[in-house]
Amino acid sequence: MSQPVVQISQLWSVFRSAGRDAVVHQDLDLTIEQGEMLSIVGGSGSGKTVLLRQILGLAVPSRGSVTVLGEPAAQLGREGAASRVGMLFQHGALFSAFSVLDNIAFALRELHTLPADLIHDVAMVKLQMVGLDPSAAHKMPADLSGGMIKRVALARALIMDPPLLLLDEPTAGLDPGSADEFCALLKSLHQELGLTVVMVTHDLDTLLELSTRIAVVADRHIIAAGSAAQVMAQPHPFIKEFFLGERGLRASALLHTSPKAG
């Protein structure tokens, strides 16, 4: 059996607040296998984004371990993670003073190992990979729609061909049509590139459309992990509220009646 892409073991995340220790995660375990598109869900303050930061190596757990591709995640934070982990931030986080092309090419240029014309060509390939016309290359972020910003940010996250992609609320701020298109793009790239994807989202349509597996964070640890059906069968109050409330039932019904389902 191949080595897990991400292995989180006995994780504790403790933060000092108002002179007291706030425990966000306690003995949290999670294994993410190659090729999965795993979604992490949980209530406000459950530490979903903290987990992403720890996988990326930007935060160090108070106790326990996080390994990515067989090495401590903290090593990524020291050495730079771009060649192994791509990160799509919630609102894109594009550099406002850089053009689209310069945003996409940023990580490659920072290496100072490739000629400028090759960097340009690679960035243009990524631009078209995410469904944008080459004419968008010289636009500035202020001139882009929300959907275009997400696509440029995705191209930037993939510029180094990382095997692992992290997504923080990938469809946040998009209208339903743009969200559906972006989900279709993510699903296509996941399959074509053989990516392992870890996604934090509260959007049920996105969650049910993309996830091969769902992990639920509550009570400071993973209370359930599996397919949507397996997770929804758990009796925990958060799961009932999140998946089996009015919004959850509506999203589930739409998924099963949509031509995309199955």
Foldseek 3Di string as FASTA:
>chain_A
DDDFQKWWFQFWAWDQDPNDIDTLAGGATDTHHFLFAEEEEEDPSNCPVVVVCLQCLNDPTPDTFMDGPRHGNVVCVVPPCLLAEFEQDQQLPFDQVDALLCRQLVVVVVVVPDDPVVSSVLSLVLCVLLPHDSVRRGHGPVPDDSLSSLSSSVSSRCSNPHQEYEYEASCPPHDPVSSVSNLVSVQVCSVVSSHRYYYYHLQLLSCLSHGQKYFYRDPNYTPDMGHLVRQCVDPDPVSCCSQVPPNNVVSVVCLVVDPSHD
